[in-house]
Amino acid sequence: MLYNTVCVLYNTVMSRMNVSEAREKLAEAIDAAQSEAVVLERYGRPAAVLVSVERYEQLLDAVEEAEDITAFDAAMADAGDNIPWEKVKADLGWS
């Protein structure tokens, strides 16, 4: 890879709530999700994560960016022989 991308998608603080409690306190769970991820647990195991719309959109953007980076890296790896800059300039009529 030609570059390193660092993206903070969510803070490291997460609330945990079992699904039954989330049903009873849905408004509170949604409020908490505005500032942190809320892990919903079923039988003591993570079952889902509740996040704000803003964070969800950031995650989608990050996935799209990662896919673009992967496609770019694949294209660069499959680029074939390099063309000397002087030849490129000559072909474009720049020299």
C-alpha atoms as a PDB file:
ATOM      1  CA  MET A   1       0.000   0.000   0.000  1.00  0.00           C
ATOM      2  CA  LEU A   2       1.308   3.460  -0.859  1.00  0.00           C
ATOM      3  CA  TYR A   3      -0.087   5.250   2.187  1.00  0.00           C
ATOM      4  CA  ASN A   4      -1.490   4.689   5.646  1.00  0.00           C
ATOM      5  CA  THR A   5      -4.956   5.908   6.509  1.00  0.00           C
ATOM      6  CA  VAL A   6      -5.928   6.561  10.091  1.00  0.00           C
ATOM      7  CA  CYS A   7      -9.581   7.206  10.746  1.00  0.00           C
ATOM      8  CA  VAL A   8     -11.240   7.432  14.133  1.00  0.00           C
ATOM      9  CA  LEU A   9     -14.751   6.174  13.547  1.00  0.00           C
ATOM     10  CA  TYR A  10     -16.017   5.999  17.084  1.00  0.00           C
ATOM     11  CA  ASN A  11     -14.715   6.656  20.519  1.00  0.00           C
ATOM     12  CA  THR A  12     -13.539   3.635  22.479  1.00  0.00           C
ATOM     13  CA  VAL A  13     -16.248   3.968  25.129  1.00  0.00           C
ATOM     14  CA  MET A  14     -19.132   1.567  24.645  1.00  0.00           C
ATOM     15  CA  SER A  15     -22.205   0.967  26.713  1.00  0.00           C
ATOM     16  CA  ARG A  16     -23.586  -2.509  27.112  1.00  0.00           C
ATOM     17  CA  MET A  17     -27.259  -3.282  27.475  1.00  0.00           C
ATOM     18  CA  ASN A  18     -29.187  -6.509  27.200  1.00  0.00           C
ATOM     19  CA  VAL A  19     -31.919  -6.659  24.581  1.00  0.00           C
ATOM     20  CA  SER A  20     -34.721  -6.878  27.156  1.00  0.00           C
ATOM     21  CA  GLU A  21     -33.503  -3.728  28.883  1.00  0.00           C
ATOM     22  CA  ALA A  22     -33.143  -1.988  25.507  1.00  0.00           C
ATOM     23  CA  ARG A  23     -36.778  -2.784  24.725  1.00  0.00           C
ATOM     24  CA  GLU A  24     -37.876  -1.257  28.011  1.00  0.00           C
ATOM     25  CA  LYS A  25     -35.568   1.773  27.728  1.00  0.00           C
ATOM     26  CA  LEU A  26     -35.364   2.319  23.980  1.00  0.00           C
ATOM     27  CA  ALA A  27     -35.354   6.121  24.238  1.00  0.00           C
ATOM     28  CA  GLU A  28     -32.455   5.988  26.709  1.00  0.00           C
ATOM     29  CA  ALA A  29     -30.520   3.580  24.467  1.00  0.00           C
ATOM     30  CA  ILE A  30     -30.998   5.910  21.508  1.00  0.00           C
ATOM     31  CA  ASP A  31     -29.864   8.886  23.584  1.00  0.00           C
ATOM     32  CA  ALA A  32     -26.736   7.000  24.684  1.00  0.00           C
ATOM     33  CA  ALA A  33     -25.978   6.059  21.069  1.00  0.00           C
ATOM     34  CA  GLN A  34     -25.613   9.744  20.208  1.00  0.00           C
ATOM     35  CA  SER A  35     -22.300   9.860  22.063  1.00  0.00           C
ATOM     36  CA  GLU A  36     -21.136   6.238  22.169  1.00  0.00           C
ATOM     37  CA  ALA A  37     -21.800   2.852  20.676  1.00  0.00           C
ATOM     38  CA  VAL A  38     -24.325   0.770  22.591  1.00  0.00           C
ATOM     39  CA  VAL A  39     -23.682  -2.964  22.401  1.00  0.00           C
ATOM     40  CA  LEU A  40     -26.926  -4.904  22.680  1.00  0.00           C
ATOM     41  CA  GLU A  41     -26.390  -8.306  24.251  1.00  0.00           C
ATOM     42  CA  ARG A  42     -28.507 -11.428  24.008  1.00  0.00           C
ATOM     43  CA  TYR A  43     -27.729 -14.218  26.477  1.00  0.00           C
ATOM     44  CA  GLY A  44     -24.587 -12.347  27.521  1.00  0.00           C
ATOM     45  CA  ARG A  45     -23.182 -12.191  23.972  1.00  0.00           C
ATOM     46  CA  PRO A  46     -22.991  -9.181  21.669  1.00  0.00           C
ATOM     47  CA  ALA A  47     -25.911  -9.317  19.235  1.00  0.00           C
ATOM     48  CA  ALA A  48     -26.013  -5.838  17.702  1.00  0.00           C
ATOM     49  CA  VAL A  49     -24.590  -2.347  18.021  1.00  0.00           C
ATOM     50  CA  LEU A  50     -26.687   0.792  18.198  1.00  0.00           C
ATOM     51  CA  VAL A  51     -24.979   3.902  16.798  1.00  0.00           C
ATOM     52  CA  SER A  52     -26.115   7.388  15.836  1.00  0.00           C
ATOM     53  CA  VAL A  53     -27.046   8.158  12.234  1.00  0.00           C
ATOM     54  CA  GLU A  54     -24.009  10.454  11.992  1.00  0.00           C
ATOM     55  CA  ARG A  55     -21.624   7.681  13.074  1.00  0.00           C
ATOM     56  CA  TYR A  56     -23.341   5.173  10.793  1.00  0.00           C
ATOM     57  CA  GLU A  57     -22.791   7.487   7.813  1.00  0.00           C
ATOM     58  CA  GLN A  58     -19.128   7.920   8.812  1.00  0.00           C
ATOM     59  CA  LEU A  59     -18.725   4.153   8.898  1.00  0.00           C
ATOM     60  CA  LEU A  60     -20.282   3.812   5.440  1.00  0.00           C
ATOM     61  CA  ASP A  61     -17.979   6.529   4.081  1.00  0.00           C
ATOM     62  CA  ALA A  62     -14.961   4.760   5.582  1.00  0.00           C
ATOM     63  CA  VAL A  63     -15.968   1.471   3.962  1.00  0.00           C
ATOM     64  CA  GLU A  64     -16.389   3.161   0.580  1.00  0.00           C
ATOM     65  CA  GLU A  65     -13.013   4.873   0.975  1.00  0.00           C
ATOM     66  CA  ALA A  66     -11.358   1.577   1.884  1.00  0.00           C
ATOM     67  CA  GLU A  67     -12.893  -0.052  -1.198  1.00  0.00           C
ATOM     68  CA  ASP A  68     -11.622   2.834  -3.357  1.00  0.00           C
ATOM     69  CA  ILE A  69      -8.139   2.483  -1.862  1.00  0.00           C
ATOM     70  CA  THR A  70      -8.147  -1.269  -2.472  1.00  0.00           C
ATOM     71  CA  ALA A  71      -9.245  -0.758  -6.088  1.00  0.00           C
ATOM     72  CA  PHE A  72      -6.534   1.881  -6.605  1.00  0.00           C
ATOM     73  CA  ASP A  73      -3.861  -0.387  -5.107  1.00  0.00           C
ATOM     74  CA  ALA A  74      -4.985  -3.267  -7.344  1.00  0.00           C
ATOM     75  CA  ALA A  75      -4.885  -1.030 -10.423  1.00  0.00           C
ATOM     76  CA  MET A  76      -1.401   0.199  -9.510  1.00  0.00           C
ATOM     77  CA  ALA A  77      -0.167  -3.359  -8.990  1.00  0.00           C
ATOM     78  CA  ASP A  78      -1.532  -4.336 -12.405  1.00  0.00           C
ATOM     79  CA  ALA A  79      -0.233  -1.224 -14.191  1.00  0.00           C
ATOM     80  CA  GLY A  80       2.375  -3.008 -16.305  1.00  0.00           C
ATOM     81  CA  ASP A  81       5.570  -1.383 -17.563  1.00  0.00           C
ATOM     82  CA  ASN A  82       6.324   2.195 -16.597  1.00  0.00           C
ATOM     83  CA  ILE A  83       6.450   4.809 -19.334  1.00  0.00           C
ATOM     84  CA  PRO A  84       9.288   7.329 -19.021  1.00  0.00           C
ATOM     85  CA  TRP A  85       8.080  10.854 -18.231  1.00  0.00           C
ATOM     86  CA  GLU A  86       9.892  12.278 -21.245  1.00  0.00           C
ATOM     87  CA  LYS A  87       7.928   9.947 -23.554  1.00  0.00           C
ATOM     88  CA  VAL A  88       4.636  10.902 -21.890  1.00  0.00           C
ATOM     89  CA  LYS A  89       5.407  14.611 -22.375  1.00  0.00           C
ATOM     90  CA  ALA A  90       6.380  14.013 -26.005  1.00  0.00           C
ATOM     91  CA  ASP A  91       3.180  12.000 -26.659  1.00  0.00           C
ATOM     92  CA  LEU A  92       1.128  14.854 -25.213  1.00  0.00           C
ATOM     93  CA  GLY A  93       3.034  17.443 -27.216  1.00  0.00           C
ATOM     94  CA  TRP A  94       4.447  19.100 -24.098  1.00  0.00           C
ATOM     95  CA  SER A  95       8.082  18.998 -25.077  1.00  0.00           C
END
